[in-house]
Protein backbone atom coordinates (compact mmCIF):
# COMPACT_ATOMS: atom_id res chain seq x y z
CA UNK A 1 114.23 76.61 55.70
CA UNK A 2 117.82 76.21 54.43
CA UNK A 3 118.39 74.87 50.91
CA UNK A 4 121.56 72.80 50.56
CA UNK A 5 122.34 72.76 46.85
CA UNK A 6 124.80 69.90 47.40
CA UNK A 7 121.74 67.69 48.06
CA UNK A 8 120.65 68.23 44.47
CA UNK A 9 124.04 67.03 43.24
CA UNK A 10 123.96 63.98 45.52
CA UNK A 11 120.42 63.13 44.42
CA UNK A 12 121.38 63.47 40.75
CA UNK A 13 124.36 61.12 41.16
CA UNK A 14 122.22 58.58 43.01
CA UNK A 15 119.47 58.74 40.38
CA UNK A 16 121.98 58.22 37.56
CA UNK A 17 123.28 55.14 39.38
CA UNK A 18 119.75 53.80 39.87
CA UNK A 19 118.97 54.27 36.17
CA UNK A 20 122.25 52.65 35.19
CA UNK A 21 121.63 49.64 37.43
CA UNK A 22 118.11 49.15 36.08
CA UNK A 23 119.22 49.35 32.43
CA UNK A 24 122.18 47.07 33.17
CA UNK A 25 119.81 44.37 34.42
CA UNK A 26 117.47 44.93 31.48
CA UNK A 27 120.30 44.74 28.94
CA UNK A 28 121.71 41.60 30.55
CA UNK A 29 118.24 39.98 30.57
CA UNK A 30 117.69 40.82 26.91
CA UNK A 31 121.11 39.40 26.03
CA UNK A 32 120.29 36.24 28.02
CA UNK A 33 116.97 35.89 26.19
CA UNK A 34 118.85 35.78 22.88
CA UNK A 35 119.83 32.12 23.41
CA UNK A 36 117.53 31.10 26.27
CA UNK A 37 113.77 30.74 26.42
CA UNK A 38 113.32 31.19 30.16
CA UNK A 39 111.38 34.29 31.23
CA UNK A 40 112.40 34.56 34.88
CA UNK A 41 115.41 36.78 34.21
CA UNK A 42 113.38 39.06 31.93
CA UNK A 43 110.57 39.28 34.50
CA UNK A 44 113.04 40.12 37.28
CA UNK A 45 114.74 42.81 35.17
CA UNK A 46 111.37 44.31 34.22
CA UNK A 47 110.32 44.43 37.87
CA UNK A 48 113.64 46.09 38.75
CA UNK A 49 113.04 48.69 36.04
CA UNK A 50 109.60 49.44 37.50
CA UNK A 51 110.98 49.68 41.05
CA UNK A 52 113.81 51.93 39.92
CA UNK A 53 111.27 54.71 39.37
CA UNK A 54 110.14 54.40 42.98
CA UNK A 55 113.77 54.52 44.11
CA UNK A 56 114.40 57.66 42.02
CA UNK A 57 111.48 59.48 43.58
CA UNK A 58 112.68 58.33 47.00
CA UNK A 59 116.11 59.87 46.29
CA UNK A 60 114.52 63.22 45.42
CA UNK A 61 112.25 63.10 48.46
CA UNK A 62 115.06 62.08 50.83
CA UNK A 63 117.84 64.45 49.76
CA UNK A 64 116.45 67.82 48.59
CA UNK A 65 113.13 67.12 50.33
CA UNK A 66 114.38 65.79 53.68
CA UNK A 67 111.48 63.28 53.65
CA UNK A 68 109.00 66.16 53.69
CA UNK A 69 106.69 66.96 50.78
CA UNK A 70 106.46 70.58 51.93
CA UNK A 71 110.24 70.94 51.98
CA UNK A 72 110.50 69.15 48.63
CA UNK A 73 108.04 71.59 47.10
CA UNK A 74 110.03 74.53 48.45
CA UNK A 75 113.32 73.04 47.24
CA UNK A 76 111.95 72.40 43.75
CA UNK A 77 110.79 76.01 43.56
CA UNK A 78 114.49 76.96 43.63
CA UNK A 79 115.49 74.25 41.14
CA UNK A 80 112.53 73.65 38.85
CA UNK A 81 114.71 71.71 36.45
CA UNK A 82 114.79 68.90 39.01
CA UNK A 83 111.23 68.04 38.01
CA UNK A 84 112.89 66.22 35.09
CA UNK A 85 114.11 63.57 37.53
CA UNK A 86 110.56 63.04 38.75
CA UNK A 87 109.56 62.64 35.10
CA UNK A 88 112.32 60.03 34.74
CA UNK A 89 110.93 58.20 37.77
CA UNK A 90 107.48 58.02 36.20
CA UNK A 91 108.82 56.94 32.80
CA UNK A 92 111.06 54.17 34.16
CA UNK A 93 108.27 52.80 36.38
CA UNK A 94 105.74 52.84 33.55
CA UNK A 95 108.22 51.28 31.11
CA UNK A 96 109.05 48.53 33.60
CA UNK A 97 105.39 47.75 34.22
CA UNK A 98 104.72 47.62 30.48
CA UNK A 99 107.64 45.23 29.89
CA UNK A 100 106.62 43.14 32.89
CA UNK A 101 103.06 42.84 31.56
CA UNK A 102 104.27 41.90 28.09
CA UNK A 103 106.70 39.29 29.46
CA UNK A 104 104.01 37.85 31.74
CA UNK A 105 101.67 37.44 28.77
CA UNK A 106 104.57 35.93 26.77
CA UNK A 107 103.80 38.03 23.70
CA UNK A 108 106.13 39.34 21.06
CA UNK A 109 105.21 42.80 19.84
CA UNK A 110 101.75 44.14 20.58
CA UNK A 111 100.55 47.19 22.45
CA UNK A 112 102.54 46.57 25.66
CA UNK A 113 105.77 46.26 23.69
CA UNK A 114 105.01 49.47 21.76
CA UNK A 115 104.24 51.32 25.01
CA UNK A 116 107.45 50.04 26.61
CA UNK A 117 109.59 51.21 23.70
CA UNK A 118 107.75 54.54 23.45
CA UNK A 119 108.41 55.28 27.12
CA UNK A 120 112.09 54.39 26.78
CA UNK A 121 112.36 56.66 23.72
CA UNK A 122 110.76 59.51 25.67
CA UNK A 123 113.28 58.94 28.48
CA UNK A 124 116.06 59.09 25.89
CA UNK A 125 114.81 62.47 24.68
CA UNK A 126 114.75 63.83 28.24
CA UNK A 127 118.49 63.29 28.56
CA UNK A 128 119.04 65.98 25.94
CA UNK A 129 117.15 68.48 28.14
CA UNK A 130 119.24 68.08 31.29
CA UNK A 131 122.01 70.43 30.14
CA UNK A 132 119.60 73.36 30.28
CA UNK A 133 118.82 72.61 33.93
CA UNK A 134 122.30 73.18 35.39
CA UNK A 135 124.31 76.37 35.77
CA UNK A 136 126.51 77.85 33.06
CA UNK A 137 129.73 76.40 34.48
CA UNK A 138 128.56 72.79 34.18
CA UNK A 139 126.31 72.75 31.12
CA UNK A 140 128.99 71.74 28.59
CA UNK A 141 129.96 68.61 30.52
CA UNK A 142 126.32 67.74 31.12
CA UNK A 143 125.45 68.30 27.46
CA UNK A 144 128.19 65.99 26.15
CA UNK A 145 127.50 63.15 28.57
CA UNK A 146 123.72 63.25 28.40
CA UNK A 147 123.64 63.62 24.63
CA UNK A 148 125.63 60.37 24.48
CA UNK A 149 123.23 58.69 26.92
CA UNK A 150 120.17 59.86 25.05
CA UNK A 151 121.61 58.89 21.67
CA UNK A 152 122.55 55.34 22.71
CA UNK A 153 119.17 54.76 24.35
CA UNK A 154 117.34 56.01 21.25
CA UNK A 155 119.52 53.79 19.06
CA UNK A 156 118.65 50.83 21.29
CA UNK A 157 114.94 51.54 20.85
CA UNK A 158 115.42 51.87 17.08
CA UNK A 159 117.23 48.51 16.95
CA UNK A 160 114.46 46.78 18.93
CA UNK A 161 111.76 48.38 16.77
CA UNK A 162 113.51 47.11 13.64
CA UNK A 163 113.82 43.67 15.25
CA UNK A 164 110.06 43.54 15.82
CA UNK A 165 109.25 44.19 12.16
CA UNK A 166 112.11 42.14 10.74
CA UNK A 167 113.53 39.75 13.36
CA UNK A 168 117.30 39.39 13.13
CA UNK A 169 119.79 38.06 15.66
CA UNK A 170 122.08 41.02 14.97
CA UNK A 171 119.29 43.51 15.75
CA UNK A 172 118.44 41.80 19.04
CA UNK A 173 122.15 41.78 19.94
CA UNK A 174 122.42 45.50 19.08
CA UNK A 175 119.37 46.24 21.27
CA UNK A 176 120.86 44.53 24.32
CA UNK A 177 124.38 45.86 23.70
CA UNK A 178 123.19 49.46 23.40
CA UNK A 179 121.21 49.11 26.63
CA UNK A 180 124.40 47.94 28.36
CA UNK A 181 126.38 50.85 26.91
CA UNK A 182 123.76 53.33 28.17
CA UNK A 183 123.87 51.66 31.58
CA UNK A 184 127.66 51.99 31.81
CA UNK A 185 127.47 55.66 30.83
CA UNK A 186 124.95 56.29 33.60
CA UNK A 187 126.92 54.34 36.20
CA UNK A 188 130.17 56.19 35.51
CA UNK A 189 128.68 59.68 35.28
CA UNK A 190 129.14 62.10 38.19
CA UNK A 191 127.89 65.67 38.44
CA UNK A 192 130.35 68.48 39.11
CA UNK A 193 130.16 69.78 42.67
CA UNK A 194 128.26 73.00 41.94
CA UNK A 195 126.16 71.87 38.98
CA UNK A 196 122.86 72.84 40.61
CA UNK A 197 124.10 75.70 42.78
CA UNK A 198 123.30 79.28 41.77
CA UNK A 199 126.01 80.85 39.68
CA UNK A 200 127.85 83.50 41.71
CA UNK A 201 129.75 86.24 39.92
CA UNK A 202 132.55 87.97 41.87
CA UNK A 203 133.55 91.45 40.76
CA UNK A 204 136.89 92.69 42.07
CA UNK A 205 137.41 96.45 42.38
CA UNK A 206 140.94 97.81 41.89
CA UNK A 207 142.83 99.06 44.94
CA UNK A 208 142.66 102.77 45.68
CA UNK A 209 145.28 104.74 43.82
CA UNK A 210 146.37 108.02 45.45
CA UNK A 211 145.58 111.05 43.32
CA UNK A 212 148.41 112.53 41.29
CA UNK A 213 148.93 116.27 41.57
CA UNK A 214 149.21 117.92 38.19
CA UNK A 215 150.65 121.45 38.12
CA UNK A 216 148.43 124.10 36.64
CA UNK A 217 149.30 125.03 33.07
CA UNK A 218 149.18 128.79 33.55
CA UNK A 219 150.88 128.91 36.91
CA UNK A 220 153.56 131.71 36.94
CA UNK A 221 157.12 130.50 37.21
CA UNK A 222 159.09 131.49 40.32
CA UNK A 223 161.57 134.36 39.64
CA UNK A 224 164.72 134.98 41.55
CA UNK A 225 164.98 138.43 43.05
CA UNK A 226 168.18 140.28 42.23
CA UNK A 227 170.56 140.69 45.13
CA UNK A 228 170.94 144.24 46.50
């Protein structure tokens, strides 16, 4: 079996776009709910968040896995860090289902809300781990971008948590705005071409230099013979 490391890069870019699209819908729905009481938009965004996890797993299965679980297992044995994207798929699906359940029950706060926010916070923490899953040439770029993504998502969760305990229009606005910022970061992010490829080190040897002849120190000097 041949492992194409470019498939990991393509899958990562696709997954980031899926996450960004899901959070964009969620942020827009939360902003809409600020001045509107209808739940249809929130329900649709929650369902999209849940389905985004399925789409993420499909991206991993289709690209590195070639639609084969056996090939996917073999591919992941070369890039174990890619299991983080499967974790993201599970978290986004579970968070979407929790939000969908809470919106269906039309409840503010409660266990489903706490579970939804907890899962989003866990996803935010995972972004900080992605830099350790790429090669040394790409980790700085990945660290900067994903630290920003994780920080904004965690700030969004903090704003929503504060809004639950002390409802304020400004807190709800901050929650939706930070979700939209995280979404835009995800949608604009692109991995470098060899982020998941093995790091190859090329050592160049100097060209052959011909040996230099050094005269012996104690060699007798040539003497001219006197003419007869």
